[in-house]
Amino acid sequence: LARFVNPTWDQKVRFGQLLENSNRKLAIETYENALEELSKQGRKPDSLMVLKRIVSLDGSERNLLRLGELCSELGDSKSSAAAFLRLAELTEASGGDAAQYFERAYTEDSSDPKIALSYGKSLQTQGQVGAAIFVLEPHISAGNPSLELRDTYARALLAANRLTEAEPLLWQIFEQNPARINEIANLIGALIDAQQDADAVALARKLEALQRRKGE
């Protein structure tokens, strides 16, 4: 068809679909050609459909960035957040600085616990403990948070020296995994260092009582 006339964008897309299993590279080139045409026409919903086909064949950082931006422009915040989260994970795995992409994913969809957890960890790595607590707290309050989310939040509280707030979380985690008893012992020490003697003694007695009941 291309020998006689310039195919329409939807004909190019159909051709790309036929090529996907036999010639991945040419399929991507065909989709890119169709995408360029759609972009010139300002047909963003159709552009998104084509871009998703490109990402399914080549989930590179560049393509994920384009996908995240276009989804955001179209008001699809959840898809945009998912694209930026994948971009952040890919960037991090390759040794790059993924902070801006974790932040962008959270900006697009702060209600997703997985995104909040990833962004919270990123903030802690940057030393922004207060911001990490702010990001994670709503998901803790919402109920039934994952173990990893509780653990990350507890560590953020410890880093902020909010020891009594961290205690119930660390105790809950310890009950589920007794091998983490040293974390309770360390918390007792931190409470003493912070001159919160009454809290330190109460926690020590609580730990002692549990250990005696277990015969340890």
C-alpha atoms as a PDB file:
ATOM      1  CA  LEU A   1       0.000   0.000   0.000  1.00  0.00           C
ATOM      2  CA  ALA A   2       2.833   2.383   0.858  1.00  0.00           C
ATOM      3  CA  ARG A   3       4.116   2.133  -2.727  1.00  0.00           C
ATOM      4  CA  PHE A   4       0.980   3.821  -4.041  1.00  0.00           C
ATOM      5  CA  VAL A   5      -0.207   6.102  -1.254  1.00  0.00           C
ATOM      6  CA  ASN A   6       0.695   7.212   2.265  1.00  0.00           C
ATOM      7  CA  PRO A   7      -1.213   4.794   4.545  1.00  0.00           C
ATOM      8  CA  THR A   8      -3.489   6.290   7.201  1.00  0.00           C
ATOM      9  CA  TRP A   9      -2.385   6.119  10.851  1.00  0.00           C
ATOM     10  CA  ASP A  10      -4.854   3.334  11.625  1.00  0.00           C
ATOM     11  CA  GLN A  11      -3.568   1.290   8.663  1.00  0.00           C
ATOM     12  CA  LYS A  12      -0.052   1.745  10.026  1.00  0.00           C
ATOM     13  CA  VAL A  13      -1.201   0.587  13.446  1.00  0.00           C
ATOM     14  CA  ARG A  14      -2.819  -2.496  11.935  1.00  0.00           C
ATOM     15  CA  PHE A  15       0.389  -3.234  10.037  1.00  0.00           C
ATOM     16  CA  GLY A  16       2.367  -2.810  13.270  1.00  0.00           C
ATOM     17  CA  GLN A  17       0.111  -5.316  15.014  1.00  0.00           C
ATOM     18  CA  LEU A  18       0.747  -7.858  12.259  1.00  0.00           C
ATOM     19  CA  LEU A  19       4.495  -7.316  12.622  1.00  0.00           C
ATOM     20  CA  GLU A  20       4.739  -7.600  16.407  1.00  0.00           C
ATOM     21  CA  ASN A  21       5.522 -11.325  16.490  1.00  0.00           C
ATOM     22  CA  SER A  22       7.656 -11.482  13.360  1.00  0.00           C
ATOM     23  CA  ASN A  23       9.587  -8.195  13.265  1.00  0.00           C
ATOM     24  CA  ARG A  24       9.573  -6.345  16.575  1.00  0.00           C
ATOM     25  CA  LYS A  25      11.916  -3.579  15.396  1.00  0.00           C
ATOM     26  CA  LEU A  26       9.871  -2.753  12.302  1.00  0.00           C
ATOM     27  CA  ALA A  27       6.658  -2.900  14.356  1.00  0.00           C
ATOM     28  CA  ILE A  28       8.037  -0.246  16.724  1.00  0.00           C
ATOM     29  CA  GLU A  29       9.163   1.919  13.796  1.00  0.00           C
ATOM     30  CA  THR A  30       5.707   1.620  12.244  1.00  0.00           C
ATOM     31  CA  TYR A  31       3.996   2.581  15.513  1.00  0.00           C
ATOM     32  CA  GLU A  32       6.382   5.524  15.943  1.00  0.00           C
ATOM     33  CA  ASN A  33       5.460   6.711  12.461  1.00  0.00           C
ATOM     34  CA  ALA A  34       1.771   6.480  13.268  1.00  0.00           C
ATOM     35  CA  LEU A  35       2.348   8.221  16.608  1.00  0.00           C
ATOM     36  CA  GLU A  36       4.136  11.106  14.920  1.00  0.00           C
ATOM     37  CA  GLU A  37       1.195  11.555  12.573  1.00  0.00           C
ATOM     38  CA  LEU A  38      -1.317  11.458  15.433  1.00  0.00           C
ATOM     39  CA  SER A  39       0.717  13.946  17.473  1.00  0.00           C
ATOM     40  CA  LYS A  40       0.658  16.410  14.583  1.00  0.00           C
ATOM     41  CA  GLN A  41      -3.120  16.017  14.424  1.00  0.00           C
ATOM     42  CA  GLY A  42      -3.441  16.497  18.188  1.00  0.00           C
ATOM     43  CA  ARG A  43      -5.275  13.199  18.606  1.00  0.00           C
ATOM     44  CA  LYS A  44      -4.066  12.397  22.104  1.00  0.00           C
ATOM     45  CA  PRO A  45      -6.415   9.479  22.977  1.00  0.00           C
ATOM     46  CA  ASP A  46      -5.382   7.670  19.773  1.00  0.00           C
ATOM     47  CA  SER A  47      -1.749   8.595  20.476  1.00  0.00           C
ATOM     48  CA  LEU A  48      -2.064   6.958  23.893  1.00  0.00           C
ATOM     49  CA  MET A  49      -3.343   3.734  22.347  1.00  0.00           C
ATOM     50  CA  VAL A  50      -0.364   3.608  19.979  1.00  0.00           C
ATOM     51  CA  LEU A  51       2.126   4.578  22.691  1.00  0.00           C
ATOM     52  CA  LYS A  52       0.881   1.735  24.882  1.00  0.00           C
ATOM     53  CA  ARG A  53       1.640  -0.677  22.012  1.00  0.00           C
ATOM     54  CA  ILE A  54       5.158   0.782  21.782  1.00  0.00           C
ATOM     55  CA  VAL A  55       5.724   0.411  25.544  1.00  0.00           C
ATOM     56  CA  SER A  56       4.512  -3.202  25.427  1.00  0.00           C
ATOM     57  CA  LEU A  57       7.314  -3.890  22.917  1.00  0.00           C
ATOM     58  CA  ASP A  58       9.942  -1.566  24.354  1.00  0.00           C
ATOM     59  CA  GLY A  59       9.489  -0.544  27.994  1.00  0.00           C
ATOM     60  CA  SER A  60      12.526   1.744  27.978  1.00  0.00           C
ATOM     61  CA  GLU A  61      12.914   4.746  30.280  1.00  0.00           C
ATOM     62  CA  ARG A  62      12.226   7.111  27.372  1.00  0.00           C
ATOM     63  CA  ASN A  63       8.999   5.359  26.407  1.00  0.00           C
ATOM     64  CA  LEU A  64       7.753   5.103  29.989  1.00  0.00           C
ATOM     65  CA  LEU A  65       8.391   8.815  30.463  1.00  0.00           C
ATOM     66  CA  ARG A  66       6.371   9.609  27.336  1.00  0.00           C
ATOM     67  CA  LEU A  67       3.581   7.313  28.505  1.00  0.00           C
ATOM     68  CA  GLY A  68       3.469   8.870  31.970  1.00  0.00           C
ATOM     69  CA  GLU A  69       3.357  12.396  30.571  1.00  0.00           C
ATOM     70  CA  LEU A  70       0.635  11.630  28.023  1.00  0.00           C
ATOM     71  CA  CYS A  71      -1.552   9.808  30.561  1.00  0.00           C
ATOM     72  CA  SER A  72      -1.194  12.808  32.850  1.00  0.00           C
ATOM     73  CA  GLU A  73      -2.232  15.194  30.067  1.00  0.00           C
ATOM     74  CA  LEU A  74      -5.327  13.068  29.449  1.00  0.00           C
ATOM     75  CA  GLY A  75      -6.250  13.025  33.136  1.00  0.00           C
ATOM     76  CA  ASP A  76      -5.586   9.309  33.606  1.00  0.00           C
ATOM     77  CA  SER A  77      -3.677   9.773  36.859  1.00  0.00           C
ATOM     78  CA  LYS A  78      -3.581   6.108  37.852  1.00  0.00           C
ATOM     79  CA  SER A  79      -2.043   4.991  34.554  1.00  0.00           C
ATOM     80  CA  SER A  80       0.350   7.933  34.699  1.00  0.00           C
ATOM     81  CA  ALA A  81       1.386   7.011  38.247  1.00  0.00           C
ATOM     82  CA  ALA A  82       1.928   3.369  37.241  1.00  0.00           C
ATOM     83  CA  ALA A  83       4.139   4.452  34.332  1.00  0.00           C
ATOM     84  CA  PHE A  84       6.228   6.772  36.519  1.00  0.00           C
ATOM     85  CA  LEU A  85       6.580   4.066  39.181  1.00  0.00           C
ATOM     86  CA  ARG A  86       7.867   1.602  36.578  1.00  0.00           C
ATOM     87  CA  LEU A  87      10.195   4.306  35.286  1.00  0.00           C
ATOM     88  CA  ALA A  88      11.501   4.964  38.810  1.00  0.00           C
ATOM     89  CA  GLU A  89      12.119   1.256  39.451  1.00  0.00           C
ATOM     90  CA  LEU A  90      13.903   0.891  36.124  1.00  0.00           C
ATOM     91  CA  THR A  91      16.046   3.972  36.759  1.00  0.00           C
ATOM     92  CA  GLU A  92      16.906   2.778  40.273  1.00  0.00           C
ATOM     93  CA  ALA A  93      17.833  -0.698  39.020  1.00  0.00           C
ATOM     94  CA  SER A  94      20.235   0.843  36.505  1.00  0.00           C
ATOM     95  CA  GLY A  95      21.920   2.892  39.240  1.00  0.00           C
ATOM     96  CA  GLY A  96      20.318   6.224  38.341  1.00  0.00           C
ATOM     97  CA  ASP A  97      18.615   8.788  40.558  1.00  0.00           C
ATOM     98  CA  ALA A  98      14.943   7.837  40.586  1.00  0.00           C
ATOM     99  CA  ALA A  99      13.785  10.340  43.236  1.00  0.00           C
ATOM    100  CA  GLN A 100      11.992  12.657  40.801  1.00  0.00           C
ATOM    101  CA  TYR A 101      10.042   9.766  39.267  1.00  0.00           C
ATOM    102  CA  PHE A 102       8.948   8.357  42.636  1.00  0.00           C
ATOM    103  CA  GLU A 103       7.768  11.852  43.521  1.00  0.00           C
ATOM    104  CA  ARG A 104       5.933  12.219  40.216  1.00  0.00           C
ATOM    105  CA  ALA A 105       4.192   8.855  40.673  1.00  0.00           C
ATOM    106  CA  TYR A 106       3.054   9.929  44.145  1.00  0.00           C
ATOM    107  CA  THR A 107       1.865  13.306  42.825  1.00  0.00           C
ATOM    108  CA  GLU A 108      -0.270  11.522  40.237  1.00  0.00           C
ATOM    109  CA  ASP A 109      -1.758   8.992  42.686  1.00  0.00           C
ATOM    110  CA  SER A 110      -1.075   9.394  46.393  1.00  0.00           C
ATOM    111  CA  SER A 111      -3.780   6.847  47.273  1.00  0.00           C
ATOM    112  CA  ASP A 112      -1.782   3.841  46.052  1.00  0.00           C
ATOM    113  CA  PRO A 113      -0.016   2.161  49.030  1.00  0.00           C
ATOM    114  CA  LYS A 114       2.727   0.699  46.834  1.00  0.00           C
ATOM    115  CA  ILE A 115       3.531   4.111  45.362  1.00  0.00           C
ATOM    116  CA  ALA A 116       3.445   5.773  48.789  1.00  0.00           C
ATOM    117  CA  LEU A 117       5.795   3.094  50.162  1.00  0.00           C
ATOM    118  CA  SER A 118       8.270   3.537  47.309  1.00  0.00           C
ATOM    119  CA  TYR A 119       8.192   7.311  47.613  1.00  0.00           C
ATOM    120  CA  GLY A 120       8.519   7.101  51.404  1.00  0.00           C
ATOM    121  CA  LYS A 121      11.620   4.930  51.068  1.00  0.00           C
ATOM    122  CA  SER A 122      13.054   7.360  48.534  1.00  0.00           C
ATOM    123  CA  LEU A 123      12.493  10.270  50.904  1.00  0.00           C
ATOM    124  CA  GLN A 124      14.167   8.393  53.769  1.00  0.00           C
ATOM    125  CA  THR A 125      17.186   7.719  51.564  1.00  0.00           C
ATOM    126  CA  GLN A 126      17.394  11.472  50.979  1.00  0.00           C
ATOM    127  CA  GLY A 127      17.198  12.111  54.727  1.00  0.00           C
ATOM    128  CA  GLN A 128      13.744  13.682  54.484  1.00  0.00           C
ATOM    129  CA  VAL A 129      12.293  11.740  57.391  1.00  0.00           C
ATOM    130  CA  GLY A 130       9.479  14.170  58.182  1.00  0.00           C
ATOM    131  CA  ALA A 131       8.258  14.075  54.592  1.00  0.00           C
ATOM    132  CA  ALA A 132       8.416  10.275  54.595  1.00  0.00           C
ATOM    133  CA  ILE A 133       6.231  10.143  57.713  1.00  0.00           C
ATOM    134  CA  PHE A 134       3.739  12.537  56.079  1.00  0.00           C
ATOM    135  CA  VAL A 135       3.521  10.330  52.975  1.00  0.00           C
ATOM    136  CA  LEU A 136       3.207   7.005  54.826  1.00  0.00           C
ATOM    137  CA  GLU A 137       0.970   8.013  57.734  1.00  0.00           C
ATOM    138  CA  PRO A 138      -2.378   8.069  55.855  1.00  0.00           C
ATOM    139  CA  HIS A 139      -1.826   4.499  54.673  1.00  0.00           C
ATOM    140  CA  ILE A 140      -1.042   3.343  58.203  1.00  0.00           C
ATOM    141  CA  SER A 141      -4.171   5.083  59.522  1.00  0.00           C
ATOM    142  CA  ALA A 142      -6.304   3.574  56.763  1.00  0.00           C
ATOM    143  CA  GLY A 143      -5.847   0.155  58.367  1.00  0.00           C
ATOM    144  CA  ASN A 144      -4.414  -3.192  57.290  1.00  0.00           C
ATOM    145  CA  PRO A 145      -1.075  -1.871  55.985  1.00  0.00           C
ATOM    146  CA  SER A 146       1.474  -4.341  54.643  1.00  0.00           C
ATOM    147  CA  LEU A 147       4.347  -5.498  56.843  1.00  0.00           C
ATOM    148  CA  GLU A 148       6.828  -3.620  54.661  1.00  0.00           C
ATOM    149  CA  LEU A 149       4.828  -0.407  54.940  1.00  0.00           C
ATOM    150  CA  ARG A 150       4.596  -0.728  58.732  1.00  0.00           C
ATOM    151  CA  ASP A 151       8.301  -1.490  58.948  1.00  0.00           C
ATOM    152  CA  THR A 152       9.259   1.510  56.795  1.00  0.00           C
ATOM    153  CA  TYR A 153       6.974   3.820  58.766  1.00  0.00           C
ATOM    154  CA  ALA A 154       8.376   2.576  62.084  1.00  0.00           C
ATOM    155  CA  ARG A 155      11.938   3.210  60.899  1.00  0.00           C
ATOM    156  CA  ALA A 156      10.961   6.726  59.841  1.00  0.00           C
ATOM    157  CA  LEU A 157       9.496   7.378  63.303  1.00  0.00           C
ATOM    158  CA  LEU A 158      12.682   6.101  64.937  1.00  0.00           C
ATOM    159  CA  ALA A 159      14.789   8.333  62.720  1.00  0.00           C
ATOM    160  CA  ALA A 160      12.615  11.278  63.767  1.00  0.00           C
ATOM    161  CA  ASN A 161      13.087  10.267  67.430  1.00  0.00           C
ATOM    162  CA  ARG A 162       9.342   9.691  67.796  1.00  0.00           C
ATOM    163  CA  LEU A 163      10.062   6.606  69.876  1.00  0.00           C
ATOM    164  CA  THR A 164       6.764   6.084  71.697  1.00  0.00           C
ATOM    165  CA  GLU A 165       4.884   6.262  68.391  1.00  0.00           C
ATOM    166  CA  ALA A 166       7.228   3.694  66.867  1.00  0.00           C
ATOM    167  CA  GLU A 167       6.868   1.285  69.803  1.00  0.00           C
ATOM    168  CA  PRO A 168       3.457  -0.303  69.007  1.00  0.00           C
ATOM    169  CA  LEU A 169       4.456  -0.853  65.376  1.00  0.00           C
ATOM    170  CA  LEU A 170       7.793  -2.414  66.273  1.00  0.00           C
ATOM    171  CA  TRP A 171       6.129  -4.586  68.903  1.00  0.00           C
ATOM    172  CA  GLN A 172       3.556  -5.807  66.409  1.00  0.00           C
ATOM    173  CA  ILE A 173       6.306  -6.642  63.915  1.00  0.00           C
ATOM    174  CA  PHE A 174       8.300  -8.399  66.665  1.00  0.00           C
ATOM    175  CA  GLU A 175       5.275 -10.523  67.621  1.00  0.00           C
ATOM    176  CA  GLN A 176       5.047 -11.696  64.017  1.00  0.00           C
ATOM    177  CA  ASN A 177       8.792 -12.277  63.796  1.00  0.00           C
ATOM    178  CA  PRO A 178      10.430 -13.014  67.197  1.00  0.00           C
ATOM    179  CA  ALA A 179      13.862 -13.011  65.526  1.00  0.00           C
ATOM    180  CA  ARG A 180      13.614  -9.217  65.543  1.00  0.00           C
ATOM    181  CA  ILE A 181      13.849  -9.049  69.336  1.00  0.00           C
ATOM    182  CA  ASN A 182      17.034  -6.959  69.091  1.00  0.00           C
ATOM    183  CA  GLU A 183      14.994  -4.115  67.621  1.00  0.00           C
ATOM    184  CA  ILE A 184      12.907  -4.018  70.815  1.00  0.00           C
ATOM    185  CA  ALA A 185      16.059  -4.097  72.907  1.00  0.00           C
ATOM    186  CA  ASN A 186      17.500  -1.258  70.835  1.00  0.00           C
ATOM    187  CA  LEU A 187      14.281   0.707  71.296  1.00  0.00           C
ATOM    188  CA  ILE A 188      14.558   0.286  75.079  1.00  0.00           C
ATOM    189  CA  GLY A 189      18.101   1.658  74.838  1.00  0.00           C
ATOM    190  CA  ALA A 190      16.935   4.569  72.666  1.00  0.00           C
ATOM    191  CA  LEU A 191      14.214   5.426  75.194  1.00  0.00           C
ATOM    192  CA  ILE A 192      16.819   5.484  77.979  1.00  0.00           C
ATOM    193  CA  ASP A 193      19.111   7.689  75.886  1.00  0.00           C
ATOM    194  CA  ALA A 194      16.169  10.043  75.306  1.00  0.00           C
ATOM    195  CA  GLN A 195      15.581  10.114  79.109  1.00  0.00           C
ATOM    196  CA  GLN A 196      12.178   8.527  78.683  1.00  0.00           C
ATOM    197  CA  ASP A 197      12.906   6.211  81.574  1.00  0.00           C
ATOM    198  CA  ALA A 198       9.332   5.300  82.453  1.00  0.00           C
ATOM    199  CA  ASP A 199       8.595   4.238  78.860  1.00  0.00           C
ATOM    200  CA  ALA A 200      11.845   2.268  78.737  1.00  0.00           C
ATOM    201  CA  VAL A 201      11.034   0.382  81.960  1.00  0.00           C
ATOM    202  CA  ALA A 202       7.454  -0.330  80.833  1.00  0.00           C
ATOM    203  CA  LEU A 203       8.654  -1.772  77.531  1.00  0.00           C
ATOM    204  CA  ALA A 204      11.395  -3.790  79.240  1.00  0.00           C
ATOM    205  CA  ARG A 205       8.848  -5.311  81.631  1.00  0.00           C
ATOM    206  CA  LYS A 206       6.527  -6.084  78.743  1.00  0.00           C
ATOM    207  CA  LEU A 207       9.340  -7.862  76.915  1.00  0.00           C
ATOM    208  CA  GLU A 208      10.411  -9.692  80.061  1.00  0.00           C
ATOM    209  CA  ALA A 209       6.871 -10.938  80.708  1.00  0.00           C
ATOM    210  CA  LEU A 210       6.554 -12.232  77.159  1.00  0.00           C
ATOM    211  CA  GLN A 211       9.907 -13.992  77.266  1.00  0.00           C
ATOM    212  CA  ARG A 212       9.102 -15.640  80.603  1.00  0.00           C
ATOM    213  CA  ARG A 213       5.780 -16.934  79.278  1.00  0.00           C
ATOM    214  CA  LYS A 214       7.656 -18.454  76.364  1.00  0.00           C
ATOM    215  CA  GLY A 215      10.221 -19.975  78.754  1.00  0.00           C
ATOM    216  CA  GLU A 216      13.049 -17.999  77.195  1.00  0.00           C
END
